[in-house]
Amino acid sequence: MYLGNDLKKTIFDIFFWMSWLTIPFLIEVIPKLYVEFIVLKDYLLKKFNFDEIGKLKEFPFITVIIPVYNSSPTLWECLRSINSSTYPDEQIQIIVADNESGDGLRETFFKIQKHFPNLMMQYVNTQKGKASALNAAIYRSVGSYIINIDSDGRLDSRALEKIVKDLEDHPDLAATGGTVLTDQKQIKGRSFFKTTEFFEYCQIFFFGRKYAARSNELFTMSGAFAAYRRDALLQTEMYNTGSIAEDTDLTFQVRSDLESKVGYCRDAIFYTDPIDGFESLYRQRERWQRGELEVVNNFSKLNFKIKNFFNNFIVRQLVFDNTFAFMEVIWLFSSIMLISMHLSATIVIVSYILLYLVYIILALLYWIGCLIIMPSQSKNRQFLKANWQVIFTYPAYSFITFWIRLIGIIDFFTKTTKWNDQELKTFFKRIQRIIKSDFEALTERVIRWWQN
């Protein structure tokens, strides 16, 4: 009798540990380790062969488009970075597209124009919306390459030269995206969200984007910094004014409608403002998740069936980002069920600690990988090295963003998408209404049952 009970308990414990650790390993740990291995292998082989991005021998004429909306405080630094770049001023057309700002931006622009008389700058008024501003500026562009950058950031001194060189060296590319990092100059102290976000961006671009670009599988070129061949861009429907993910939509157009390649230039860096805190992170990631699903839905003609899991990267991304998200929720809440089934609370707690250690090891490996890729004298490398604590905070940060992504998935199926309509307080008000409505409905049913 006792032997039978012990055997049942042993089998139950084995099943628990296998399921508890196998799911995260299969869904997240193993794929990320594989991506890091492939990218580092490519990088080291390229480095040992001394095949680095050189300088341009000739500088083609380019157009830099900056969509702006109430951007007076940041436009100075953005244009200053263009003025300080290694790309010749006389070969750059700059179009500042204002989509109905109300902060005196027009006056700010003319002050900047006088301050940098060497820059060929134009100011255009457009309809409200980033996509509308970009489209209006594209029609006024004359450069061989059109480069979009956000107004709330700055270019690395060689960013323009490097991203143009990437297109010059690869004539099969219709477009290419640059690296976007948060500006470590604006991060004071060891802010949990800001320093961990910097580490996250390093992983996303140095590894995720680089790996995806190997086989033309980039899901999106960041709207903060991307370059297009003008003749290819004009063959698309350009930016979708009805989308909250206009950059992803255009990436799909280039790859799917034009059947062209989309690349990624790791050495061309654009620095953007870090998030202010949790509220900013929530609004940003919830919108990103809704935007991803919106674009996939718009391009549903691409045959996104589960049977194409292995030959269609978009199907794989949807499964990993969305389907597995609900598996992780089930997996997480199963701990409560397991405790109710008399599994030791100590075992559950220990399992969480072990799993957290696994994610810390994964973060450590990526931290080391980022340091390997960054140039030895890079300030970004020095900043990441000094903020080694991100190895321990990143798993918690990922856990937070996971729940925000989950909210974005639910919101996509339950509400109309708009660019910036989903504030955190709005979400909590919706939750309160749902709980109140469900409680009132349950109370009404209980009263009916009691009366009958």
Protein backbone atom coordinates (compact mmCIF):
# COMPACT_ATOMS: atom_id res chain seq x y z
CA MET A 1 0.00 0.00 0.00
CA TYR A 2 2.72 2.42 1.03
CA LEU A 3 4.86 1.31 -1.90
CA GLY A 4 1.98 2.04 -4.26
CA ASN A 5 1.47 5.51 -2.81
CA ASP A 6 5.20 6.24 -3.01
CA LEU A 7 5.28 5.08 -6.62
CA LYS A 8 2.32 7.32 -7.51
CA LYS A 9 3.97 10.28 -5.81
CA THR A 10 7.24 9.64 -7.63
CA ILE A 11 5.49 9.43 -11.01
CA PHE A 12 3.53 12.57 -10.23
CA ASP A 13 6.70 14.48 -9.25
CA ILE A 14 8.51 13.32 -12.40
CA PHE A 15 5.59 14.41 -14.57
CA PHE A 16 5.45 17.77 -12.79
CA TRP A 17 9.15 18.55 -13.22
CA MET A 18 9.23 17.41 -16.84
CA SER A 19 6.21 19.46 -17.86
CA TRP A 20 7.24 22.45 -15.76
CA LEU A 21 10.71 22.75 -17.27
CA THR A 22 10.11 21.30 -20.75
CA ILE A 23 7.55 23.88 -21.90
CA PRO A 24 9.74 26.97 -21.27
CA PHE A 25 12.76 25.20 -22.76
CA LEU A 26 10.95 24.24 -25.95
CA ILE A 27 9.12 27.55 -26.38
CA GLU A 28 11.79 30.06 -25.48
CA VAL A 29 15.18 28.86 -24.19
CA ILE A 30 16.25 26.48 -26.97
CA PRO A 31 15.14 28.77 -29.87
CA LYS A 32 16.97 31.74 -28.33
CA LEU A 33 20.14 29.75 -27.76
CA TYR A 34 20.04 28.56 -31.37
CA VAL A 35 19.61 32.13 -32.68
CA GLU A 36 22.53 33.39 -30.57
CA PHE A 37 24.78 30.54 -31.70
CA ILE A 38 24.07 31.13 -35.41
CA VAL A 39 24.51 34.92 -35.22
CA LEU A 40 27.72 34.74 -33.19
CA LYS A 41 29.13 32.12 -35.55
CA ASP A 42 28.40 34.34 -38.55
CA TYR A 43 29.82 37.38 -36.77
CA LEU A 44 33.06 35.70 -35.71
CA LEU A 45 33.67 34.18 -39.14
CA LYS A 46 33.04 37.56 -40.73
CA LYS A 47 35.30 39.29 -38.23
CA PHE A 48 38.13 36.81 -38.66
CA ASN A 49 37.89 37.26 -42.43
CA PHE A 50 38.22 41.04 -41.93
CA ASP A 51 35.08 41.61 -43.98
CA GLU A 52 33.78 44.81 -42.43
CA ILE A 53 31.57 47.59 -43.74
CA GLY A 54 33.93 50.10 -45.33
CA LYS A 55 33.47 53.66 -46.44
CA LEU A 56 31.52 54.81 -49.45
CA LYS A 57 33.64 55.84 -52.43
CA GLU A 58 30.79 57.85 -53.92
CA PHE A 59 27.86 59.32 -52.01
CA PRO A 60 24.53 59.07 -53.88
CA PHE A 61 21.97 61.78 -53.28
CA ILE A 62 19.55 60.72 -50.51
CA THR A 63 16.36 62.00 -48.91
CA VAL A 64 15.94 61.90 -45.14
CA ILE A 65 12.31 62.14 -43.99
CA ILE A 66 11.47 63.15 -40.43
CA PRO A 67 7.76 62.93 -39.50
CA VAL A 68 7.05 65.29 -36.59
CA TYR A 69 4.23 65.88 -34.16
CA ASN A 70 4.79 68.27 -31.24
CA SER A 71 8.50 67.52 -31.56
CA SER A 72 10.00 70.93 -30.80
CA PRO A 73 12.05 69.68 -27.80
CA THR A 74 13.73 66.85 -29.76
CA LEU A 75 14.01 68.16 -33.34
CA TRP A 76 17.15 70.19 -32.59
CA GLU A 77 19.19 67.17 -31.54
CA CYS A 78 17.82 65.04 -34.37
CA LEU A 79 18.87 67.54 -37.07
CA ARG A 80 22.15 68.21 -35.29
CA SER A 81 23.00 64.51 -35.65
CA ILE A 82 22.44 64.74 -39.43
CA ASN A 83 24.64 67.83 -39.56
CA SER A 84 27.37 65.96 -37.65
CA SER A 85 27.19 62.82 -39.80
CA THR A 86 29.92 61.65 -42.17
CA TYR A 87 27.49 61.92 -45.08
CA PRO A 88 28.12 65.11 -47.12
CA ASP A 89 25.52 67.80 -46.45
CA GLU A 90 25.19 68.66 -50.14
CA GLN A 91 24.08 65.09 -50.86
CA ILE A 92 21.17 65.11 -48.38
CA GLN A 93 17.65 66.39 -48.87
CA ILE A 94 15.86 66.71 -45.52
CA ILE A 95 12.06 66.86 -45.37
CA VAL A 96 10.41 67.66 -42.04
CA ALA A 97 6.77 66.54 -42.36
CA ASP A 98 4.56 68.14 -39.70
CA ASN A 99 1.27 66.33 -39.10
CA GLU A 100 -0.65 69.12 -37.33
CA SER A 101 1.63 69.94 -34.41
CA GLY A 102 0.42 72.44 -31.86
CA ASP A 103 3.64 73.32 -30.04
CA GLY A 104 5.06 76.02 -32.32
CA LEU A 105 7.11 73.50 -34.25
CA ARG A 106 7.06 75.55 -37.44
CA GLU A 107 8.86 78.41 -35.69
CA THR A 108 11.32 75.96 -34.14
CA PHE A 109 12.09 74.54 -37.58
CA PHE A 110 12.96 77.93 -39.06
CA LYS A 111 15.26 78.68 -36.12
CA ILE A 112 17.05 75.36 -36.72
CA GLN A 113 17.22 76.09 -40.45
CA LYS A 114 19.07 79.34 -39.75
CA HIS A 115 21.38 77.56 -37.32
CA PHE A 116 22.33 74.92 -39.93
CA PRO A 117 22.35 76.88 -43.24
CA ASN A 118 24.45 74.13 -44.85
CA LEU A 119 21.58 71.61 -44.60
CA MET A 120 18.99 71.47 -47.41
CA MET A 121 15.82 71.35 -45.33
CA GLN A 122 12.17 71.59 -46.35
CA TYR A 123 9.13 71.93 -44.12
CA VAL A 124 5.76 70.55 -45.21
CA ASN A 125 2.36 70.52 -43.53
CA THR A 126 0.46 67.25 -43.77
CA GLN A 127 -2.70 65.62 -42.50
CA LYS A 128 -2.61 64.22 -38.98
CA GLY A 129 -0.99 60.83 -38.58
CA LYS A 130 2.56 59.56 -39.01
CA ALA A 131 1.71 57.56 -42.13
CA SER A 132 0.16 60.61 -43.81
CA ALA A 133 3.25 62.68 -43.00
CA LEU A 134 5.58 60.04 -44.43
CA ASN A 135 3.55 59.63 -47.63
CA ALA A 136 3.40 63.37 -48.26
CA ALA A 137 7.17 63.64 -47.85
CA ILE A 138 7.85 60.64 -50.11
CA TYR A 139 6.10 62.41 -53.02
CA ARG A 140 8.47 65.37 -52.51
CA SER A 141 11.60 63.24 -52.30
CA VAL A 142 14.23 63.27 -55.05
CA GLY A 143 16.98 61.10 -53.54
CA SER A 144 17.95 57.68 -54.89
CA TYR A 145 17.40 56.34 -51.40
CA ILE A 146 14.71 57.43 -48.95
CA ILE A 147 15.59 57.15 -45.28
CA ASN A 148 13.02 57.58 -42.52
CA ILE A 149 14.01 58.52 -38.99
CA ASP A 150 11.96 59.50 -35.94
CA SER A 151 12.28 63.00 -34.54
CA ASP A 152 12.77 61.85 -30.95
CA GLY A 153 16.24 60.43 -31.50
CA ARG A 154 19.63 60.95 -33.08
CA LEU A 155 21.78 59.23 -35.68
CA ASP A 156 25.19 57.76 -34.99
CA SER A 157 27.78 59.78 -36.94
CA ARG A 158 28.26 57.05 -39.59
CA ALA A 159 24.71 55.69 -39.61
CA LEU A 160 23.63 57.28 -42.90
CA GLU A 161 26.83 56.27 -44.65
CA LYS A 162 26.60 52.68 -43.43
CA ILE A 163 22.95 52.11 -44.27
CA VAL A 164 23.44 53.53 -47.78
CA LYS A 165 26.57 51.39 -48.21
CA ASP A 166 24.51 48.33 -47.28
CA LEU A 167 22.06 49.09 -50.11
CA GLU A 168 24.87 49.91 -52.53
CA ASP A 169 26.65 46.62 -51.76
CA HIS A 170 23.47 44.54 -52.03
CA PRO A 171 21.52 45.49 -55.17
CA ASP A 172 19.05 42.68 -54.47
CA LEU A 173 17.75 44.58 -51.41
CA ALA A 174 14.74 46.85 -51.90
CA ALA A 175 15.01 48.13 -48.36
CA THR A 176 17.07 47.72 -45.23
CA GLY A 177 16.58 48.57 -41.58
CA GLY A 178 19.10 49.94 -39.13
CA THR A 179 19.75 49.20 -35.48
CA VAL A 180 17.65 51.12 -32.96
CA LEU A 181 19.02 51.44 -29.44
CA THR A 182 17.79 53.53 -26.56
CA ASP A 183 20.05 56.50 -25.89
CA GLN A 184 22.22 55.54 -22.93
CA LYS A 185 23.11 59.23 -22.46
CA GLN A 186 19.56 59.78 -21.22
CA ILE A 187 19.64 56.96 -18.68
CA LYS A 188 20.52 58.28 -15.24
CA GLY A 189 21.41 55.79 -12.53
CA ARG A 190 20.36 52.16 -12.69
CA SER A 191 16.73 52.58 -13.70
CA PHE A 192 15.06 49.16 -13.88
CA PHE A 193 12.97 49.86 -16.96
CA LYS A 194 15.44 52.02 -18.89
CA THR A 195 18.59 49.94 -18.43
CA THR A 196 16.76 46.66 -19.03
CA GLU A 197 15.07 48.12 -22.11
CA PHE A 198 18.53 49.01 -23.48
CA PHE A 199 19.63 45.39 -23.03
CA GLU A 200 16.40 44.19 -24.66
CA TYR A 201 17.00 46.36 -27.75
CA CYS A 202 20.56 45.02 -28.02
CA GLN A 203 19.19 41.45 -28.09
CA ILE A 204 16.36 42.24 -30.52
CA PHE A 205 18.54 43.97 -33.10
CA PHE A 206 21.99 42.40 -32.76
CA PHE A 207 20.58 38.88 -32.68
CA GLY A 208 16.87 38.68 -33.56
CA ARG A 209 16.90 41.04 -36.56
CA LYS A 210 20.27 39.80 -37.79
CA TYR A 211 19.12 36.19 -37.71
CA ALA A 212 15.82 36.98 -39.45
CA ALA A 213 17.55 38.95 -42.22
CA ARG A 214 19.71 35.93 -43.14
CA SER A 215 16.75 34.36 -44.95
CA ASN A 216 14.61 37.44 -45.74
CA GLU A 217 12.39 36.83 -42.72
CA LEU A 218 12.34 40.27 -41.08
CA PHE A 219 8.87 40.79 -39.66
CA THR A 220 9.27 44.54 -39.55
CA MET A 221 11.77 47.28 -40.30
CA SER A 222 11.56 49.75 -37.47
CA GLY A 223 9.88 52.99 -38.45
CA ALA A 224 12.45 54.80 -36.32
CA PHE A 225 15.23 54.11 -38.86
CA ALA A 226 14.80 52.42 -42.24
CA ALA A 227 16.04 53.00 -45.80
CA TYR A 228 14.35 52.25 -49.14
CA ARG A 229 15.27 52.40 -52.79
CA ARG A 230 13.05 55.19 -54.07
CA ASP A 231 12.00 53.33 -57.23
CA ALA A 232 10.97 50.29 -55.16
CA LEU A 233 9.13 52.36 -52.56
CA LEU A 234 7.05 54.10 -55.23
CA GLN A 235 5.87 50.71 -56.50
CA THR A 236 4.19 49.99 -53.15
CA GLU A 237 0.98 51.45 -51.78
CA MET A 238 3.30 53.25 -49.35
CA TYR A 239 2.38 53.71 -45.71
CA ASN A 240 -1.07 52.51 -44.66
CA THR A 241 -2.82 55.49 -43.06
CA GLY A 242 -5.37 53.21 -41.39
CA SER A 243 -2.81 51.05 -39.62
CA ILE A 244 -1.28 51.33 -36.14
CA ALA A 245 1.76 49.44 -37.48
CA GLU A 246 2.49 51.28 -40.70
CA ASP A 247 6.17 50.24 -40.66
CA THR A 248 5.31 46.54 -40.43
CA ASP A 249 2.66 46.92 -43.12
CA LEU A 250 5.20 48.46 -45.52
CA THR A 251 7.73 45.72 -44.73
CA PHE A 252 5.13 43.14 -45.76
CA GLN A 253 4.36 45.08 -48.93
CA VAL A 254 8.02 45.14 -50.00
CA ARG A 255 8.58 41.46 -49.33
CA SER A 256 5.19 40.05 -50.36
CA ASP A 257 3.77 42.38 -53.03
CA LEU A 258 7.07 43.35 -54.68
CA GLU A 259 8.62 39.95 -53.90
CA SER A 260 11.82 41.77 -52.94
CA LYS A 261 14.36 41.27 -50.18
CA VAL A 262 14.40 43.22 -46.95
CA GLY A 263 17.76 43.54 -45.19
CA TYR A 264 19.23 44.71 -41.92
CA CYS A 265 22.38 46.76 -41.30
CA ARG A 266 23.60 46.13 -37.77
CA ASP A 267 26.32 48.81 -37.85
CA ALA A 268 23.97 51.68 -38.74
CA ILE A 269 22.67 52.88 -35.37
CA PHE A 270 19.88 55.26 -34.42
CA TYR A 271 19.42 56.26 -30.77
CA THR A 272 15.88 56.77 -29.54
CA ASP A 273 14.52 58.11 -26.26
CA PRO A 274 14.15 55.47 -23.52
CA ILE A 275 10.73 54.83 -22.01
CA ASP A 276 9.71 56.94 -19.01
CA GLY A 277 8.43 54.01 -16.98
CA PHE A 278 5.79 51.31 -16.82
CA GLU A 279 3.00 53.44 -18.33
CA SER A 280 5.09 54.18 -21.44
CA LEU A 281 6.16 50.54 -21.72
CA TYR A 282 2.56 49.36 -21.49
CA ARG A 283 1.24 51.70 -24.18
CA GLN A 284 4.14 50.92 -26.52
CA ARG A 285 4.10 47.12 -26.27
CA GLU A 286 0.32 46.77 -26.22
CA ARG A 287 0.20 48.76 -29.48
CA TRP A 288 3.05 46.73 -31.01
CA GLN A 289 1.22 43.49 -30.30
CA ARG A 290 -2.06 44.73 -31.76
CA GLY A 291 -0.18 46.07 -34.76
CA GLU A 292 1.47 42.72 -35.43
CA LEU A 293 -1.86 40.92 -35.51
CA GLU A 294 -3.49 43.68 -37.54
CA VAL A 295 -0.90 43.48 -40.32
CA VAL A 296 -1.02 39.69 -40.44
CA ASN A 297 -4.80 39.90 -40.69
CA ASN A 298 -4.52 42.41 -43.56
CA PHE A 299 -2.14 40.08 -45.41
CA SER A 300 -4.15 36.92 -44.70
CA LYS A 301 -3.90 36.08 -48.41
CA LEU A 302 -0.39 34.80 -47.66
CA ASN A 303 -1.77 31.41 -46.62
CA PHE A 304 -1.06 31.46 -42.89
CA LYS A 305 -1.99 27.87 -42.12
CA ILE A 306 -0.57 25.81 -39.29
CA LYS A 307 0.63 23.18 -41.79
CA ASN A 308 3.06 25.83 -43.08
CA PHE A 309 4.76 26.13 -39.67
CA PHE A 310 8.15 25.01 -41.02
CA ASN A 311 8.14 26.80 -44.39
CA ASN A 312 6.51 30.12 -43.43
CA PHE A 313 8.30 32.19 -40.78
CA ILE A 314 5.21 34.34 -40.18
CA VAL A 315 3.24 31.27 -39.10
CA ARG A 316 6.06 30.36 -36.72
CA GLN A 317 6.17 33.87 -35.27
CA LEU A 318 2.42 33.93 -34.77
CA VAL A 319 2.55 30.59 -32.97
CA PHE A 320 5.43 31.62 -30.72
CA ASP A 321 4.16 35.14 -30.00
CA ASN A 322 0.45 34.43 -29.67
CA THR A 323 -0.58 30.76 -29.44
CA PHE A 324 2.21 29.89 -27.01
CA ALA A 325 1.35 32.97 -24.96
CA PHE A 326 -1.86 31.30 -23.83
CA MET A 327 0.03 28.06 -23.14
CA GLU A 328 2.32 30.02 -20.85
CA VAL A 329 -0.69 31.47 -19.03
CA ILE A 330 -2.12 27.98 -18.52
CA TRP A 331 1.30 26.76 -17.43
CA LEU A 332 1.62 29.64 -14.95
CA PHE A 333 -1.79 29.28 -13.34
CA SER A 334 -1.43 25.52 -13.16
CA SER A 335 0.77 26.07 -10.11
CA ILE A 336 -2.31 27.15 -8.16
CA MET A 337 -4.15 24.03 -9.32
CA LEU A 338 -1.19 21.81 -8.41
CA ILE A 339 -1.08 23.19 -4.88
CA SER A 340 -4.81 22.52 -4.56
CA MET A 341 -4.02 18.94 -5.62
CA HIS A 342 -1.76 18.65 -2.57
CA LEU A 343 1.51 19.20 -4.36
CA SER A 344 3.99 20.67 -1.91
CA ALA A 345 4.06 24.48 -2.04
CA THR A 346 7.79 24.18 -1.38
CA ILE A 347 8.26 22.23 -4.62
CA VAL A 348 6.33 24.85 -6.57
CA ILE A 349 8.41 27.68 -5.08
CA VAL A 350 11.67 25.82 -5.73
CA SER A 351 10.57 25.20 -9.33
CA TYR A 352 9.99 28.93 -9.84
CA ILE A 353 13.44 29.70 -8.43
CA LEU A 354 15.09 27.12 -10.70
CA LEU A 355 13.25 28.44 -13.72
CA TYR A 356 14.30 31.98 -12.87
CA LEU A 357 17.90 30.76 -12.69
CA VAL A 358 17.52 29.24 -16.16
CA TYR A 359 16.40 32.60 -17.54
CA ILE A 360 19.25 34.35 -15.73
CA ILE A 361 21.73 32.00 -17.44
CA LEU A 362 20.06 32.76 -20.79
CA ALA A 363 20.33 36.51 -20.11
CA LEU A 364 23.99 36.07 -19.13
CA LEU A 365 24.77 34.33 -22.42
CA TYR A 366 23.09 37.11 -24.39
CA TRP A 367 24.85 39.77 -22.30
CA ILE A 368 28.20 38.18 -23.17
CA GLY A 369 27.12 37.90 -26.82
CA CYS A 370 26.24 41.61 -26.99
CA LEU A 371 29.62 42.54 -25.51
CA ILE A 372 31.36 40.38 -28.12
CA ILE A 373 29.53 42.09 -30.98
CA MET A 374 29.96 45.67 -29.73
CA PRO A 375 33.29 47.36 -30.62
CA SER A 376 35.72 47.35 -27.70
CA GLN A 377 35.77 51.16 -27.37
CA SER A 378 32.03 51.59 -27.87
CA LYS A 379 30.22 53.66 -25.25
CA ASN A 380 27.28 51.30 -25.65
CA ARG A 381 29.54 48.41 -24.68
CA GLN A 382 30.86 50.31 -21.68
CA PHE A 383 27.33 51.14 -20.59
CA LEU A 384 26.10 47.55 -20.91
CA LYS A 385 29.17 46.22 -19.13
CA ALA A 386 28.72 48.69 -16.26
CA ASN A 387 25.04 47.73 -15.93
CA TRP A 388 25.64 44.00 -15.49
CA GLN A 389 22.65 43.83 -13.14
CA VAL A 390 20.40 43.58 -16.21
CA ILE A 391 21.32 39.89 -16.28
CA PHE A 392 19.23 39.46 -13.14
CA THR A 393 16.48 41.97 -13.91
CA TYR A 394 15.82 40.92 -17.51
CA PRO A 395 13.75 37.80 -16.64
CA ALA A 396 11.41 39.95 -14.51
CA TYR A 397 11.22 42.57 -17.27
CA SER A 398 10.36 39.86 -19.83
CA PHE A 399 7.65 38.56 -17.51
CA ILE A 400 6.09 42.03 -17.39
CA THR A 401 6.21 42.51 -21.18
CA PHE A 402 4.72 39.02 -21.63
CA TRP A 403 1.55 40.10 -19.79
CA ILE A 404 1.38 43.34 -21.78
CA ARG A 405 1.64 41.35 -25.02
CA LEU A 406 -1.15 39.12 -23.80
CA ILE A 407 -3.35 42.17 -23.18
CA GLY A 408 -2.53 43.35 -26.71
CA ILE A 409 -3.68 40.00 -28.14
CA ILE A 410 -6.96 40.19 -26.24
CA ASP A 411 -7.47 43.84 -27.21
CA PHE A 412 -6.99 43.04 -30.90
CA PHE A 413 -9.93 40.64 -30.84
CA THR A 414 -12.16 42.75 -28.61
CA LYS A 415 -11.80 46.39 -29.66
CA THR A 416 -11.20 48.68 -32.62
CA THR A 417 -7.54 49.56 -33.06
CA LYS A 418 -6.38 53.14 -32.93
CA TRP A 419 -2.85 54.46 -32.73
CA ASN A 420 -2.64 55.63 -29.13
CA ASP A 421 -5.97 54.83 -27.53
CA GLN A 422 -4.99 52.14 -25.06
CA GLU A 423 -3.82 53.77 -21.83
CA LEU A 424 -3.20 51.65 -18.76
CA LYS A 425 -5.96 53.35 -16.79
CA THR A 426 -8.35 52.63 -19.66
CA PHE A 427 -7.50 48.95 -19.47
CA PHE A 428 -8.11 48.78 -15.71
CA LYS A 429 -11.44 50.58 -16.12
CA ARG A 430 -12.46 47.95 -18.69
CA ILE A 431 -11.44 45.17 -16.30
CA GLN A 432 -13.50 46.76 -13.50
CA ARG A 433 -16.54 47.02 -15.78
CA ILE A 434 -16.20 43.38 -16.85
CA ILE A 435 -15.83 42.15 -13.26
CA LYS A 436 -18.76 44.29 -12.12
CA SER A 437 -20.92 43.08 -15.00
CA ASP A 438 -20.04 39.43 -14.38
CA PHE A 439 -20.66 39.79 -10.64
CA GLU A 440 -24.07 41.38 -11.22
CA ALA A 441 -25.01 38.63 -13.71
CA LEU A 442 -23.86 35.92 -11.27
CA THR A 443 -25.76 37.55 -8.38
CA GLU A 444 -28.92 37.75 -10.48
CA ARG A 445 -28.70 34.04 -11.36
CA VAL A 446 -28.13 33.07 -7.72
CA ILE A 447 -31.20 35.11 -6.68
CA ARG A 448 -33.31 33.43 -9.36
CA TRP A 449 -32.10 30.01 -8.30
CA TRP A 450 -32.86 30.79 -4.64
CA GLN A 451 -36.36 32.08 -5.42
CA ASN A 452 -37.20 29.01 -7.46
